[in-house]
Amino acid sequence: MHIKEIANKPARYQWQIIYKMGTTSEARPYELYYDKQKRHFVLDEKNGIFIDTFYRSSEATLYSGFIVDGKYLQTEEVLIEGRLRVRIYSFTGARLTLNQPEVHTFEQATLQECWLSK
């Protein structure tokens, strides 16, 4: 994975991740940029999906949370000693456990973690 700042567009970063599944592989491009109007980062998956992403300076970490096909996903990316740790938590089975206030609970289904480096 190579992350590069786009020369003519400051505060915009591009990279590509190659996903391997058995004998096949798929390259997926990504772009991260700061949206001044929204006042937070946006991850463009280059397929029509845009994910709002939030930087917490006290932790030097990017976070996002979103729902895909009924699964809630939460991501965190943090730079540690020159390597990027990416964690994706997925949760399923939203259950209403209280009506006032309305509270839903989720079961953690998976945790994916990878370390990216040059």
Protein backbone atom coordinates (compact mmCIF):
# COMPACT_ATOMS: atom_id res chain seq x y z
CA MET A 1 0.00 0.00 0.00
CA HIS A 2 1.31 3.42 -0.92
CA ILE A 3 -0.34 6.54 0.45
CA LYS A 4 0.36 9.72 -1.45
CA GLU A 5 -0.85 13.28 -1.20
CA ILE A 6 -2.43 14.50 -4.42
CA ALA A 7 -0.09 17.23 -5.68
CA ASN A 8 -2.70 19.67 -7.03
CA LYS A 9 -5.21 19.00 -4.23
CA PRO A 10 -3.78 19.62 -0.74
CA ALA A 11 -5.18 17.58 2.16
CA ARG A 12 -6.29 14.82 -0.25
CA TYR A 13 -4.68 11.40 -0.03
CA GLN A 14 -4.97 8.40 -2.35
CA TRP A 15 -4.08 4.76 -1.87
CA GLN A 16 -4.92 1.36 -3.22
CA ILE A 17 -5.45 -1.88 -1.32
CA ILE A 18 -5.19 -5.24 -3.04
CA TYR A 19 -7.60 -7.77 -1.58
CA LYS A 20 -6.61 -11.39 -2.20
CA MET A 21 -9.23 -14.13 -2.18
CA GLY A 22 -7.71 -17.51 -2.98
CA THR A 23 -6.11 -17.26 -6.41
CA THR A 24 -7.86 -14.02 -7.37
CA SER A 25 -7.15 -10.49 -6.32
CA GLU A 26 -8.98 -7.19 -6.54
CA ALA A 27 -7.39 -3.74 -6.38
CA ARG A 28 -9.56 -1.06 -4.79
CA PRO A 29 -8.69 2.65 -4.87
CA TYR A 30 -9.48 5.01 -1.98
CA GLU A 31 -9.24 8.74 -1.36
CA LEU A 32 -9.38 10.58 1.95
CA TYR A 33 -10.01 14.32 2.04
CA TYR A 34 -11.01 17.02 4.48
CA ASP A 35 -14.44 18.50 3.75
CA LYS A 36 -14.34 22.12 4.98
CA GLN A 37 -18.12 22.47 4.86
CA LYS A 38 -18.73 19.32 6.95
CA ARG A 39 -15.65 20.07 9.11
CA HIS A 40 -14.45 16.47 9.07
CA PHE A 41 -12.77 13.95 6.77
CA VAL A 42 -14.56 11.91 4.11
CA LEU A 43 -13.41 8.56 2.75
CA ASP A 44 -14.28 8.15 -0.94
CA GLU A 45 -14.31 4.46 -1.85
CA LYS A 46 -14.38 5.38 -5.56
CA ASN A 47 -17.56 3.35 -6.12
CA GLY A 48 -20.21 5.89 -5.07
CA ILE A 49 -19.74 5.26 -1.34
CA PHE A 50 -18.60 8.17 0.85
CA ILE A 51 -17.97 7.55 4.55
CA ASP A 52 -17.77 10.39 7.07
CA THR A 53 -14.57 9.97 9.07
CA PHE A 54 -13.60 11.80 12.24
CA TYR A 55 -10.15 12.60 13.59
CA ARG A 56 -9.65 12.60 17.36
CA SER A 57 -6.46 14.54 17.99
CA SER A 58 -6.20 13.41 21.62
CA GLU A 59 -5.79 9.83 20.33
CA ALA A 60 -4.30 10.66 16.90
CA THR A 61 -6.91 8.29 15.46
CA LEU A 62 -9.44 8.34 12.61
CA TYR A 63 -12.86 6.82 13.37
CA SER A 64 -15.93 6.05 11.28
CA GLY A 65 -19.19 4.22 11.87
CA PHE A 66 -21.70 3.11 9.25
CA ILE A 67 -24.29 0.44 8.42
CA VAL A 68 -24.03 -1.89 5.40
CA ASP A 69 -26.76 -4.46 4.69
CA GLY A 70 -27.95 -4.33 8.30
CA LYS A 71 -24.48 -4.70 9.83
CA TYR A 72 -23.03 -1.85 11.86
CA LEU A 73 -19.32 -1.34 11.23
CA GLN A 74 -16.90 0.81 13.19
CA THR A 75 -13.38 1.52 11.99
CA GLU A 76 -10.32 2.99 13.62
CA GLU A 77 -7.01 3.85 11.99
CA VAL A 78 -4.00 4.92 14.01
CA LEU A 79 -0.37 5.48 13.05
CA ILE A 80 1.95 3.62 15.45
CA GLU A 81 5.73 3.75 14.98
CA GLY A 82 5.47 4.34 11.23
CA ARG A 83 2.84 1.64 10.62
CA LEU A 84 -0.89 2.08 10.19
CA ARG A 85 -3.07 -0.16 12.37
CA VAL A 86 -6.54 -0.62 10.90
CA ARG A 87 -9.34 -2.23 12.91
CA ILE A 88 -12.83 -2.92 11.61
CA TYR A 89 -15.41 -4.05 14.13
CA SER A 90 -18.69 -5.45 12.81
CA PHE A 91 -21.89 -5.83 14.81
CA THR A 92 -25.11 -7.65 13.92
CA GLY A 93 -28.55 -8.27 15.34
CA ALA A 94 -29.75 -4.86 16.44
CA ARG A 95 -32.24 -5.45 19.22
CA LEU A 96 -34.51 -2.90 20.82
CA THR A 97 -33.93 -3.28 24.54
CA LEU A 98 -35.66 -0.17 25.85
CA ASN A 99 -38.38 2.07 24.41
CA GLN A 100 -37.87 5.29 26.40
CA PRO A 101 -35.25 6.35 25.57
CA GLU A 102 -34.98 4.11 22.52
CA VAL A 103 -31.96 1.84 23.00
CA HIS A 104 -30.69 -0.78 20.55
CA THR A 105 -27.96 -3.29 21.35
CA PHE A 106 -25.69 -5.14 18.93
CA GLU A 107 -23.69 -8.35 19.11
CA GLN A 108 -20.07 -8.04 18.01
CA ALA A 109 -19.69 -10.41 15.07
CA THR A 110 -16.08 -9.91 13.99
CA LEU A 111 -12.94 -7.89 14.49
CA GLN A 112 -10.59 -7.51 11.55
CA GLU A 113 -7.17 -6.04 12.19
CA CYS A 114 -4.26 -5.41 9.88
CA TRP A 115 -1.01 -3.51 10.02
CA LEU A 116 -0.02 -1.55 6.92
CA SER A 117 3.47 -0.37 6.19
CA LYS A 118 5.64 0.71 3.28
